[in-house]
């Protein structure tokens, strides 16, 4: 008999509980080897002092599908250090410190992922390395809950709904998908978002 799969865990926005991170945090990194592509790296802190360093695709975290080198348990000590024991047995020790924008882990700065309102999302968003390229895929969100995705005449569309960090898309052909979406910047108005691990800039 196949054991029942673990329930999906909703992705909580980044926050702090007694000065410890909880929910989803991100950092942006320019991939110089990939032609300057803007990469989004995330850390997800879930109940039971669990940490996940793979991107939580699909608007929810599935514990049963997490690789042993990507999920583990962590603890803080009084010396400003985090010790992570990954499920494959490897142990990492990182320096941890709060910052005005989030926290720093072994020299890398992470910010809390936050949800967008519908008003903030309305507009056209293109891949961060492809703004102005008419052949690049882009999302366009309308004020009436409609969206299109694609490039030029090959775009597809339907209706969308926001629920925290989950973007639900119902396409005109009847198919439905959920994607993880959050604001990837602290500026106002929001100029950069992350959708399913990719960065998109407002056009």
N, C-alpha and C. Protein backbone atom coordinates (compact mmCIF):
# COMPACT_ATOMS: atom_id res chain seq x y z
N UNK A 1 0.85 -1.19 0.00
CA UNK A 1 0.00 0.00 0.00
C UNK A 1 0.88 1.24 0.00
N UNK A 2 0.53 2.19 -0.87
CA UNK A 2 1.28 3.44 -0.93
C UNK A 2 0.91 4.32 0.25
N UNK A 3 1.91 4.78 1.02
CA UNK A 3 1.59 5.62 2.18
C UNK A 3 0.97 6.93 1.73
N UNK A 4 0.06 7.49 2.54
CA UNK A 4 -0.56 8.76 2.16
C UNK A 4 0.47 9.87 2.12
N UNK A 5 0.32 10.74 1.15
CA UNK A 5 1.27 11.85 1.04
C UNK A 5 0.98 12.88 2.13
N UNK A 6 2.03 13.63 2.48
CA UNK A 6 1.87 14.67 3.49
C UNK A 6 1.04 15.82 2.93
N UNK A 7 0.25 16.47 3.77
CA UNK A 7 -0.57 17.59 3.27
C UNK A 7 0.29 18.75 2.81
N UNK A 8 -0.21 19.48 1.82
CA UNK A 8 0.50 20.66 1.35
C UNK A 8 0.47 21.74 2.43
N UNK A 9 1.55 22.50 2.51
CA UNK A 9 1.67 23.56 3.50
C UNK A 9 1.56 24.91 2.79
N UNK A 10 0.57 25.74 3.16
CA UNK A 10 0.48 27.08 2.55
C UNK A 10 1.77 27.86 2.82
N UNK A 11 2.16 28.67 1.86
CA UNK A 11 3.39 29.45 2.00
C UNK A 11 3.07 30.77 2.69
N UNK A 12 3.61 30.95 3.88
CA UNK A 12 3.34 32.17 4.64
C UNK A 12 4.32 33.27 4.23
N UNK A 13 3.86 34.53 4.18
CA UNK A 13 4.79 35.64 3.93
C UNK A 13 5.87 35.68 5.00
N UNK A 14 7.02 36.23 4.66
CA UNK A 14 8.12 36.33 5.61
C UNK A 14 7.78 37.22 6.78
N UNK A 15 8.14 36.77 7.97
CA UNK A 15 7.89 37.54 9.19
C UNK A 15 8.89 37.06 10.24
N UNK A 16 8.82 37.67 11.42
CA UNK A 16 9.69 37.26 12.52
C UNK A 16 8.85 36.94 13.74
N UNK A 17 9.18 35.83 14.37
CA UNK A 17 8.53 35.41 15.60
C UNK A 17 9.61 35.31 16.68
N UNK A 18 9.55 36.20 17.66
CA UNK A 18 10.57 36.27 18.69
C UNK A 18 11.97 36.38 18.07
N UNK A 19 12.05 37.27 17.07
CA UNK A 19 13.30 37.59 16.39
C UNK A 19 13.82 36.45 15.51
N UNK A 20 13.01 35.40 15.30
CA UNK A 20 13.41 34.29 14.44
C UNK A 20 12.55 34.31 13.18
N UNK A 21 13.16 34.01 12.01
CA UNK A 21 12.39 34.07 10.77
C UNK A 21 11.33 32.98 10.70
N UNK A 22 10.20 33.32 10.08
CA UNK A 22 9.12 32.38 9.81
C UNK A 22 8.52 32.73 8.46
N UNK A 23 8.17 31.72 7.69
CA UNK A 23 7.62 31.97 6.36
C UNK A 23 8.71 32.05 5.30
N UNK A 24 8.41 32.76 4.20
CA UNK A 24 9.28 32.78 3.03
C UNK A 24 10.13 34.04 2.98
N UNK A 25 11.44 33.84 2.75
CA UNK A 25 12.39 34.94 2.57
C UNK A 25 13.14 34.73 1.25
N UNK A 26 13.61 35.83 0.67
CA UNK A 26 14.27 35.72 -0.64
C UNK A 26 15.50 36.62 -0.70
N UNK A 27 16.35 36.31 -1.67
CA UNK A 27 17.46 37.20 -2.02
C UNK A 27 17.59 37.20 -3.54
N UNK A 28 18.04 38.32 -4.08
CA UNK A 28 18.26 38.46 -5.52
C UNK A 28 19.75 38.38 -5.81
N UNK A 29 20.08 37.67 -6.88
CA UNK A 29 21.48 37.51 -7.25
C UNK A 29 21.60 37.56 -8.77
N UNK A 30 22.55 38.33 -9.26
CA UNK A 30 22.80 38.41 -10.69
C UNK A 30 23.71 37.25 -11.10
N UNK A 31 23.23 36.43 -12.02
CA UNK A 31 23.99 35.28 -12.50
C UNK A 31 24.89 35.74 -13.65
N UNK A 32 26.14 36.03 -13.34
CA UNK A 32 27.06 36.52 -14.36
C UNK A 32 27.36 35.44 -15.40
N UNK A 33 27.33 34.18 -15.01
CA UNK A 33 27.58 33.09 -15.96
C UNK A 33 26.39 32.87 -16.89
N UNK A 34 25.21 33.35 -16.46
CA UNK A 34 24.00 33.18 -17.26
C UNK A 34 23.60 34.43 -18.02
N UNK A 35 24.58 35.26 -18.36
CA UNK A 35 24.28 36.44 -19.14
C UNK A 35 23.65 37.57 -18.35
N UNK A 36 23.90 37.59 -17.05
CA UNK A 36 23.35 38.66 -16.23
C UNK A 36 21.92 38.43 -15.80
N UNK A 37 21.44 37.22 -15.90
CA UNK A 37 20.07 36.91 -15.50
C UNK A 37 19.90 37.12 -14.00
N UNK A 38 18.77 37.68 -13.62
CA UNK A 38 18.49 37.94 -12.21
C UNK A 38 17.87 36.69 -11.59
N UNK A 39 18.57 36.09 -10.64
CA UNK A 39 18.10 34.88 -9.99
C UNK A 39 17.44 35.21 -8.65
N UNK A 40 16.42 34.42 -8.32
CA UNK A 40 15.75 34.56 -7.04
C UNK A 40 16.04 33.31 -6.22
N UNK A 41 16.66 33.49 -5.07
CA UNK A 41 16.92 32.38 -4.14
C UNK A 41 16.01 32.55 -2.93
N UNK A 42 15.50 31.45 -2.42
CA UNK A 42 14.57 31.55 -1.29
C UNK A 42 14.96 30.60 -0.15
N UNK A 43 14.49 30.96 1.03
CA UNK A 43 14.53 30.09 2.20
C UNK A 43 13.13 30.12 2.80
N UNK A 44 12.59 28.93 3.06
CA UNK A 44 11.26 28.82 3.65
C UNK A 44 11.38 28.21 5.03
N UNK A 45 10.86 28.92 6.03
CA UNK A 45 10.88 28.44 7.41
C UNK A 45 9.46 28.01 7.77
N UNK A 46 9.31 26.73 8.09
CA UNK A 46 7.98 26.21 8.42
C UNK A 46 7.96 25.68 9.84
N UNK A 47 6.77 25.31 10.31
CA UNK A 47 6.60 24.86 11.69
C UNK A 47 7.50 23.66 11.99
N UNK A 48 7.87 23.54 13.27
CA UNK A 48 8.72 22.43 13.67
C UNK A 48 10.18 22.69 13.39
N UNK A 49 10.59 23.97 13.41
CA UNK A 49 11.96 24.41 13.11
C UNK A 49 12.51 23.71 11.87
N UNK A 50 11.70 23.71 10.81
CA UNK A 50 12.10 23.12 9.53
C UNK A 50 12.48 24.23 8.56
N UNK A 51 13.47 23.96 7.73
CA UNK A 51 13.95 24.92 6.74
C UNK A 51 14.01 24.25 5.38
N UNK A 52 13.67 25.00 4.34
CA UNK A 52 13.65 24.50 2.97
C UNK A 52 14.40 25.49 2.10
N UNK A 53 15.37 25.02 1.31
CA UNK A 53 16.12 25.94 0.47
C UNK A 53 15.83 25.77 -1.03
N UNK A 54 14.80 24.98 -1.37
CA UNK A 54 14.34 24.91 -2.75
C UNK A 54 13.13 25.81 -2.91
N UNK A 55 12.94 26.35 -4.12
CA UNK A 55 11.83 27.28 -4.32
C UNK A 55 10.51 26.53 -4.20
N UNK A 56 9.54 27.08 -3.43
CA UNK A 56 8.24 26.42 -3.24
C UNK A 56 7.30 26.71 -4.40
N UNK A 57 7.42 25.94 -5.46
CA UNK A 57 6.59 26.17 -6.64
C UNK A 57 5.13 25.82 -6.37
N UNK A 58 4.25 26.42 -7.18
CA UNK A 58 2.85 26.03 -7.17
C UNK A 58 2.01 26.60 -6.06
N UNK A 59 2.52 27.61 -5.34
CA UNK A 59 1.72 28.26 -4.33
C UNK A 59 1.61 27.54 -3.01
N UNK A 60 2.27 26.38 -2.87
CA UNK A 60 2.24 25.63 -1.61
C UNK A 60 3.47 24.74 -1.55
N UNK A 61 3.87 24.38 -0.34
CA UNK A 61 5.03 23.51 -0.15
C UNK A 61 4.57 22.08 0.09
N UNK A 62 5.13 21.16 -0.70
CA UNK A 62 4.80 19.74 -0.58
C UNK A 62 5.96 19.03 0.12
N UNK A 63 5.85 18.73 1.42
CA UNK A 63 6.96 18.11 2.15
C UNK A 63 7.40 16.77 1.58
N UNK A 64 6.48 16.03 0.97
CA UNK A 64 6.80 14.70 0.47
C UNK A 64 7.68 14.74 -0.78
N UNK A 65 7.82 15.91 -1.40
CA UNK A 65 8.60 16.02 -2.63
C UNK A 65 9.90 16.78 -2.43
N UNK A 66 10.27 17.02 -1.18
CA UNK A 66 11.48 17.78 -0.92
C UNK A 66 12.70 16.86 -0.86
N UNK A 67 13.72 17.14 -1.65
CA UNK A 67 14.93 16.33 -1.64
C UNK A 67 15.64 16.44 -0.29
N UNK A 68 16.28 15.35 0.17
CA UNK A 68 16.93 15.37 1.49
C UNK A 68 18.01 16.42 1.66
N UNK A 69 18.62 16.87 0.55
CA UNK A 69 19.65 17.90 0.67
C UNK A 69 19.06 19.31 0.61
N UNK A 70 17.74 19.41 0.50
CA UNK A 70 17.07 20.71 0.41
C UNK A 70 16.18 21.01 1.61
N UNK A 71 15.91 20.01 2.43
CA UNK A 71 15.06 20.19 3.61
C UNK A 71 15.81 19.72 4.84
N UNK A 72 15.58 20.39 5.95
CA UNK A 72 16.26 19.98 7.18
C UNK A 72 15.67 20.66 8.39
N UNK A 73 16.33 20.48 9.52
CA UNK A 73 15.94 21.11 10.77
C UNK A 73 17.04 22.06 11.20
N UNK A 74 16.66 23.13 11.88
CA UNK A 74 17.65 24.13 12.26
C UNK A 74 17.45 24.57 13.70
N UNK A 75 18.50 25.16 14.24
CA UNK A 75 18.41 25.74 15.58
C UNK A 75 19.33 26.95 15.66
N UNK A 76 18.92 27.91 16.46
CA UNK A 76 19.73 29.11 16.74
C UNK A 76 20.44 28.90 18.07
N UNK A 77 21.64 29.44 18.18
CA UNK A 77 22.29 29.44 19.48
C UNK A 77 22.43 30.89 19.97
N UNK A 78 22.98 31.05 21.13
CA UNK A 78 23.09 32.39 21.72
C UNK A 78 24.27 33.19 21.17
N UNK A 79 25.03 32.58 20.28
CA UNK A 79 26.22 33.25 19.73
C UNK A 79 25.97 33.81 18.33
N UNK A 80 24.69 33.90 17.92
CA UNK A 80 24.38 34.42 16.59
C UNK A 80 24.72 33.44 15.48
N UNK A 81 24.50 32.18 15.71
CA UNK A 81 24.81 31.15 14.72
C UNK A 81 23.60 30.24 14.52
N UNK A 82 23.38 29.84 13.28
CA UNK A 82 22.33 28.88 12.94
C UNK A 82 22.99 27.58 12.50
N UNK A 83 22.54 26.48 13.09
CA UNK A 83 23.03 25.16 12.70
C UNK A 83 21.89 24.43 11.98
N UNK A 84 22.15 23.97 10.76
CA UNK A 84 21.14 23.25 9.97
C UNK A 84 21.61 21.82 9.76
N UNK A 85 20.76 20.88 10.11
CA UNK A 85 21.02 19.47 9.83
C UNK A 85 20.06 19.05 8.72
N UNK A 86 20.63 18.90 7.50
CA UNK A 86 19.81 18.51 6.36
C UNK A 86 19.38 17.05 6.49
N UNK A 87 18.31 16.70 5.82
CA UNK A 87 17.77 15.35 5.95
C UNK A 87 18.70 14.27 5.39
N UNK A 88 19.70 14.67 4.59
CA UNK A 88 20.67 13.69 4.09
C UNK A 88 21.85 13.52 5.05
N UNK A 89 21.82 14.20 6.22
CA UNK A 89 22.86 14.05 7.23
C UNK A 89 23.89 15.15 7.24
N UNK A 90 23.95 15.95 6.19
CA UNK A 90 24.94 17.02 6.15
C UNK A 90 24.57 18.10 7.16
N UNK A 91 25.59 18.74 7.74
CA UNK A 91 25.37 19.80 8.72
C UNK A 91 26.08 21.07 8.25
N UNK A 92 25.35 22.19 8.27
CA UNK A 92 25.91 23.50 7.94
C UNK A 92 25.77 24.41 9.16
N UNK A 93 26.76 25.26 9.35
CA UNK A 93 26.70 26.27 10.42
C UNK A 93 26.92 27.63 9.79
N UNK A 94 25.96 28.54 10.02
CA UNK A 94 25.99 29.85 9.40
C UNK A 94 25.85 30.94 10.44
N UNK A 95 26.53 32.06 10.22
CA UNK A 95 26.35 33.23 11.06
C UNK A 95 25.02 33.89 10.71
N UNK A 96 24.28 34.29 11.73
CA UNK A 96 22.95 34.88 11.53
C UNK A 96 22.87 36.22 12.24
N UNK A 97 22.28 37.21 11.56
CA UNK A 97 22.10 38.53 12.17
C UNK A 97 20.90 39.21 11.54
N UNK A 98 20.09 39.87 12.36
CA UNK A 98 18.99 40.67 11.84
C UNK A 98 19.54 41.91 11.15
N UNK A 99 18.83 42.37 10.13
CA UNK A 99 19.17 43.60 9.43
C UNK A 99 17.89 44.45 9.33
N UNK A 100 18.03 45.73 8.96
CA UNK A 100 16.82 46.56 8.83
C UNK A 100 15.83 46.01 7.82
N UNK A 101 16.31 45.27 6.81
CA UNK A 101 15.41 44.77 5.76
C UNK A 101 15.05 43.30 5.93
N UNK A 102 15.66 42.60 6.87
CA UNK A 102 15.38 41.17 7.03
C UNK A 102 16.43 40.51 7.90
N UNK A 103 17.25 39.64 7.30
CA UNK A 103 18.35 39.04 8.05
C UNK A 103 19.49 38.70 7.10
N UNK A 104 20.66 38.50 7.69
CA UNK A 104 21.84 38.11 6.94
C UNK A 104 22.27 36.73 7.41
N UNK A 105 22.51 35.84 6.44
CA UNK A 105 22.90 34.48 6.75
C UNK A 105 24.21 34.18 6.04
N UNK A 106 25.28 34.06 6.82
CA UNK A 106 26.60 33.78 6.27
C UNK A 106 26.99 34.78 5.18
N UNK A 107 26.61 36.04 5.38
CA UNK A 107 26.98 37.09 4.44
C UNK A 107 25.96 37.37 3.35
N UNK A 108 24.94 36.54 3.22
CA UNK A 108 23.91 36.75 2.21
C UNK A 108 22.67 37.38 2.85
N UNK A 109 22.20 38.48 2.26
CA UNK A 109 21.05 39.18 2.81
C UNK A 109 19.74 38.64 2.27
N UNK A 110 18.78 38.38 3.16
CA UNK A 110 17.46 37.88 2.79
C UNK A 110 16.40 38.86 3.27
N UNK A 111 15.36 39.05 2.43
CA UNK A 111 14.25 39.92 2.77
C UNK A 111 12.96 39.10 2.85
N UNK A 112 11.99 39.56 3.64
CA UNK A 112 10.73 38.83 3.72
C UNK A 112 9.92 38.96 2.43
N UNK A 113 9.43 37.83 1.92
CA UNK A 113 8.54 37.85 0.77
C UNK A 113 7.18 38.35 1.23
N UNK A 114 6.61 39.29 0.49
CA UNK A 114 5.31 39.81 0.89
C UNK A 114 4.31 39.71 -0.26
N UNK A 115 3.05 39.52 0.05
CA UNK A 115 2.04 39.42 -1.01
C UNK A 115 1.75 40.78 -1.63
N UNK A 116 1.17 40.75 -2.82
CA UNK A 116 0.75 41.96 -3.49
C UNK A 116 -0.77 42.07 -3.42
N UNK A 117 -1.26 43.29 -3.48
CA UNK A 117 -2.69 43.50 -3.65
C UNK A 117 -2.99 43.47 -5.15
N UNK A 118 -4.25 43.32 -5.49
CA UNK A 118 -4.62 43.34 -6.90
C UNK A 118 -4.23 44.66 -7.55
N UNK A 119 -4.41 45.76 -6.81
CA UNK A 119 -4.06 47.08 -7.37
C UNK A 119 -2.57 47.17 -7.68
N UNK A 120 -1.73 46.56 -6.84
CA UNK A 120 -0.29 46.60 -7.08
C UNK A 120 0.10 45.72 -8.27
N UNK A 121 -0.66 44.67 -8.51
CA UNK A 121 -0.31 43.71 -9.57
C UNK A 121 -0.73 44.18 -10.95
N UNK A 122 -1.76 45.02 -11.03
CA UNK A 122 -2.29 45.43 -12.34
C UNK A 122 -1.18 46.06 -13.19
N UNK A 123 -1.10 45.61 -14.45
CA UNK A 123 -0.09 46.11 -15.37
C UNK A 123 0.59 44.97 -16.11
N UNK A 124 1.66 45.29 -16.82
CA UNK A 124 2.40 44.30 -17.60
C UNK A 124 3.77 44.09 -16.98
N UNK A 125 4.14 42.82 -16.86
CA UNK A 125 5.42 42.44 -16.25
C UNK A 125 6.18 41.53 -17.22
N UNK A 126 7.41 41.90 -17.51
CA UNK A 126 8.25 41.11 -18.41
C UNK A 126 9.44 40.55 -17.66
N UNK A 127 10.00 39.45 -18.18
CA UNK A 127 11.17 38.85 -17.57
C UNK A 127 12.24 39.89 -17.31
N UNK A 128 12.85 39.85 -16.12
CA UNK A 128 13.76 40.92 -15.69
C UNK A 128 14.88 41.18 -16.69
N UNK A 129 15.29 40.18 -17.45
CA UNK A 129 16.35 40.38 -18.43
C UNK A 129 15.84 40.66 -19.82
N UNK A 130 14.48 40.78 -19.97
CA UNK A 130 13.90 40.90 -21.31
C UNK A 130 12.96 42.08 -21.47
N UNK A 131 13.00 43.06 -20.55
CA UNK A 131 12.11 44.20 -20.65
C UNK A 131 12.36 44.93 -21.98
N UNK A 132 11.30 45.20 -22.72
CA UNK A 132 11.43 45.86 -24.01
C UNK A 132 11.59 44.92 -25.18
N UNK A 133 11.73 43.63 -24.92
CA UNK A 133 11.86 42.64 -25.98
C UNK A 133 10.47 42.11 -26.33
N UNK A 134 9.94 42.43 -27.53
CA UNK A 134 8.57 42.02 -27.87
C UNK A 134 8.39 40.52 -27.98
N UNK A 135 9.50 39.77 -28.10
CA UNK A 135 9.40 38.32 -28.23
C UNK A 135 9.47 37.61 -26.88
N UNK A 136 9.61 38.38 -25.79
CA UNK A 136 9.74 37.78 -24.47
C UNK A 136 8.37 37.56 -23.85
N UNK A 137 8.26 36.50 -23.06
CA UNK A 137 7.01 36.24 -22.35
C UNK A 137 6.76 37.32 -21.31
N UNK A 138 5.50 37.68 -21.16
CA UNK A 138 5.12 38.70 -20.19
C UNK A 138 3.74 38.38 -19.64
N UNK A 139 3.52 38.81 -18.40
CA UNK A 139 2.19 38.74 -17.78
C UNK A 139 1.55 40.12 -17.88
N UNK A 140 0.27 40.16 -18.22
CA UNK A 140 -0.51 41.39 -18.13
C UNK A 140 -1.74 41.11 -17.29
N UNK A 141 -1.88 41.85 -16.19
CA UNK A 141 -3.01 41.68 -15.28
C UNK A 141 -3.94 42.88 -15.38
N UNK A 142 -5.24 42.61 -15.57
CA UNK A 142 -6.22 43.67 -15.69
C UNK A 142 -6.95 43.91 -14.38
N UNK A 143 -7.67 45.03 -14.32
CA UNK A 143 -8.37 45.40 -13.09
C UNK A 143 -9.60 44.55 -12.83
N UNK A 144 -10.09 43.83 -13.82
CA UNK A 144 -11.29 43.02 -13.64
C UNK A 144 -11.01 41.56 -13.36
N UNK A 145 -9.77 41.25 -12.96
CA UNK A 145 -9.42 39.87 -12.67
C UNK A 145 -9.05 39.06 -13.89
N UNK A 146 -8.72 39.72 -15.00
CA UNK A 146 -8.31 39.02 -16.21
C UNK A 146 -6.79 39.11 -16.38
N UNK A 147 -6.24 38.17 -17.13
CA UNK A 147 -4.80 38.19 -17.37
C UNK A 147 -4.50 37.60 -18.74
N UNK A 148 -3.32 37.92 -19.27
CA UNK A 148 -2.76 37.23 -20.42
C UNK A 148 -1.31 36.89 -20.08
N UNK A 149 -0.80 35.84 -20.73
CA UNK A 149 0.60 35.46 -20.54
C UNK A 149 1.13 34.94 -21.87
N UNK A 150 2.33 35.37 -22.20
CA UNK A 150 2.95 34.91 -23.43
C UNK A 150 3.63 36.06 -24.14
N UNK A 151 3.84 35.89 -25.45
CA UNK A 151 4.51 36.91 -26.25
C UNK A 151 3.69 37.16 -27.51
N UNK A 152 3.28 38.40 -27.71
CA UNK A 152 2.58 38.78 -28.93
C UNK A 152 1.32 37.98 -29.18
N UNK A 153 1.19 37.48 -30.41
CA UNK A 153 0.00 36.74 -30.82
C UNK A 153 -0.11 35.37 -30.17
N UNK A 154 0.96 34.90 -29.55
CA UNK A 154 0.94 33.57 -28.94
C UNK A 154 0.48 33.62 -27.48
N UNK A 155 0.03 34.76 -27.01
CA UNK A 155 -0.40 34.89 -25.63
C UNK A 155 -1.68 34.09 -25.37
N UNK A 156 -1.79 33.59 -24.14
CA UNK A 156 -3.01 32.93 -23.69
C UNK A 156 -3.53 33.71 -22.49
N UNK A 157 -4.80 33.50 -22.17
CA UNK A 157 -5.35 34.31 -21.09
C UNK A 157 -6.47 33.62 -20.35
N UNK A 158 -7.03 34.35 -19.41
CA UNK A 158 -8.11 33.82 -18.59
C UNK A 158 -8.35 34.75 -17.42
N UNK A 159 -8.63 34.15 -16.27
CA UNK A 159 -8.91 34.92 -15.06
C UNK A 159 -7.93 34.51 -13.96
N UNK A 160 -7.65 35.46 -13.06
CA UNK A 160 -6.70 35.19 -11.98
C UNK A 160 -7.30 35.57 -10.64
N UNK A 161 -6.69 35.00 -9.58
CA UNK A 161 -7.10 35.31 -8.22
C UNK A 161 -5.85 35.28 -7.34
N UNK A 162 -5.76 36.24 -6.41
CA UNK A 162 -4.66 36.30 -5.47
C UNK A 162 -5.13 35.83 -4.10
N UNK A 163 -4.30 35.02 -3.45
CA UNK A 163 -4.57 34.59 -2.08
C UNK A 163 -3.23 34.49 -1.37
N UNK A 164 -2.84 35.57 -0.69
CA UNK A 164 -1.53 35.58 -0.06
C UNK A 164 -0.43 35.52 -1.11
N UNK A 165 0.45 34.53 -0.99
CA UNK A 165 1.55 34.36 -1.95
C UNK A 165 1.18 33.39 -3.08
N UNK A 166 -0.10 33.05 -3.20
CA UNK A 166 -0.56 32.12 -4.23
C UNK A 166 -1.32 32.86 -5.32
N UNK A 167 -0.89 32.68 -6.56
CA UNK A 167 -1.57 33.22 -7.73
C UNK A 167 -2.27 32.07 -8.43
N UNK A 168 -3.60 32.10 -8.49
CA UNK A 168 -4.37 31.06 -9.17
C UNK A 168 -4.78 31.57 -10.55
N UNK A 169 -4.45 30.79 -11.58
CA UNK A 169 -4.76 31.16 -12.95
C UNK A 169 -5.74 30.15 -13.54
N UNK A 170 -6.86 30.64 -14.06
CA UNK A 170 -7.84 29.82 -14.75
C UNK A 170 -7.83 30.23 -16.21
N UNK A 171 -7.28 29.37 -17.07
CA UNK A 171 -7.13 29.70 -18.48
C UNK A 171 -8.44 29.51 -19.23
N UNK A 172 -8.54 30.18 -20.37
CA UNK A 172 -9.76 30.14 -21.16
C UNK A 172 -10.09 28.73 -21.66
N UNK A 173 -9.06 27.87 -21.76
CA UNK A 173 -9.30 26.50 -22.24
C UNK A 173 -9.78 25.56 -21.14
N UNK A 174 -9.95 26.09 -19.92
CA UNK A 174 -10.44 25.30 -18.80
C UNK A 174 -9.36 24.80 -17.86
N UNK A 175 -8.09 24.89 -18.25
CA UNK A 175 -7.00 24.43 -17.38
C UNK A 175 -6.77 25.45 -16.27
N UNK A 176 -6.26 24.95 -15.14
CA UNK A 176 -6.00 25.81 -13.99
C UNK A 176 -4.64 25.46 -13.40
N UNK A 177 -3.92 26.48 -12.94
CA UNK A 177 -2.63 26.28 -12.29
C UNK A 177 -2.52 27.25 -11.13
N UNK A 178 -1.64 26.91 -10.21
CA UNK A 178 -1.31 27.81 -9.12
C UNK A 178 0.19 28.10 -9.16
N UNK A 179 0.54 29.35 -8.91
CA UNK A 179 1.93 29.77 -8.95
C UNK A 179 2.25 30.62 -7.72
N UNK A 180 3.50 30.53 -7.29
CA UNK A 180 3.95 31.33 -6.16
C UNK A 180 4.35 32.71 -6.65
N UNK A 181 3.79 33.74 -6.04
CA UNK A 181 4.01 35.12 -6.46
C UNK A 181 4.26 36.00 -5.24
N UNK A 182 5.31 36.84 -5.31
CA UNK A 182 5.53 37.80 -4.24
C UNK A 182 6.28 39.02 -4.77
N UNK A 183 6.19 40.11 -4.03
CA UNK A 183 6.92 41.33 -4.38
C UNK A 183 8.39 41.11 -4.08
N UNK A 184 9.24 41.33 -5.07
CA UNK A 184 10.68 41.12 -4.91
C UNK A 184 11.40 42.46 -4.84
N UNK A 185 10.99 43.28 -3.91
CA UNK A 185 11.58 44.59 -3.74
C UNK A 185 10.77 45.37 -2.72
N UNK A 186 11.41 46.31 -2.07
CA UNK A 186 10.74 47.06 -1.02
C UNK A 186 10.27 48.43 -1.47
N UNK A 187 10.53 48.79 -2.73
CA UNK A 187 10.15 50.10 -3.22
C UNK A 187 8.66 50.22 -3.47
N UNK A 188 8.18 51.45 -3.54
CA UNK A 188 6.79 51.74 -3.87
C UNK A 188 6.77 52.75 -5.02
N UNK A 189 6.02 52.51 -6.09
CA UNK A 189 5.24 51.28 -6.29
C UNK A 189 6.13 50.08 -6.59
N UNK A 190 5.58 48.90 -6.43
CA UNK A 190 6.34 47.68 -6.66
C UNK A 190 6.80 47.63 -8.12
N UNK A 191 8.09 47.43 -8.32
CA UNK A 191 8.62 47.39 -9.68
C UNK A 191 9.16 46.04 -10.08
N UNK A 192 9.21 45.10 -9.13
CA UNK A 192 9.78 43.79 -9.41
C UNK A 192 9.00 42.74 -8.64
N UNK A 193 8.60 41.67 -9.34
CA UNK A 193 7.90 40.57 -8.68
C UNK A 193 8.60 39.26 -9.04
N UNK A 194 8.33 38.25 -8.24
CA UNK A 194 8.82 36.91 -8.52
C UNK A 194 7.61 36.01 -8.77
N UNK A 195 7.62 35.30 -9.89
CA UNK A 195 6.58 34.34 -10.22
C UNK A 195 7.26 33.00 -10.51
N UNK A 196 6.97 32.00 -9.68
CA UNK A 196 7.54 30.65 -9.86
C UNK A 196 9.06 30.66 -9.99
N UNK A 197 9.71 31.50 -9.20
CA UNK A 197 11.17 31.52 -9.17
C UNK A 197 11.82 32.43 -10.18
N UNK A 198 11.04 33.07 -11.07
CA UNK A 198 11.59 33.98 -12.07
C UNK A 198 11.21 35.42 -11.72
N UNK A 199 12.13 36.34 -11.97
CA UNK A 199 11.91 37.75 -11.68
C UNK A 199 11.30 38.45 -12.91
N UNK A 200 10.30 39.30 -12.65
CA UNK A 200 9.63 40.07 -13.69
C UNK A 200 9.61 41.54 -13.29
N UNK A 201 9.95 42.42 -14.25
CA UNK A 201 9.92 43.85 -13.99
C UNK A 201 8.66 44.47 -14.62
N UNK A 202 8.17 45.51 -13.95
CA UNK A 202 7.02 46.23 -14.50
C UNK A 202 7.44 46.98 -15.77
N UNK A 203 6.64 46.89 -16.80
CA UNK A 203 6.95 47.59 -18.04
C UNK A 203 6.36 48.99 -18.03
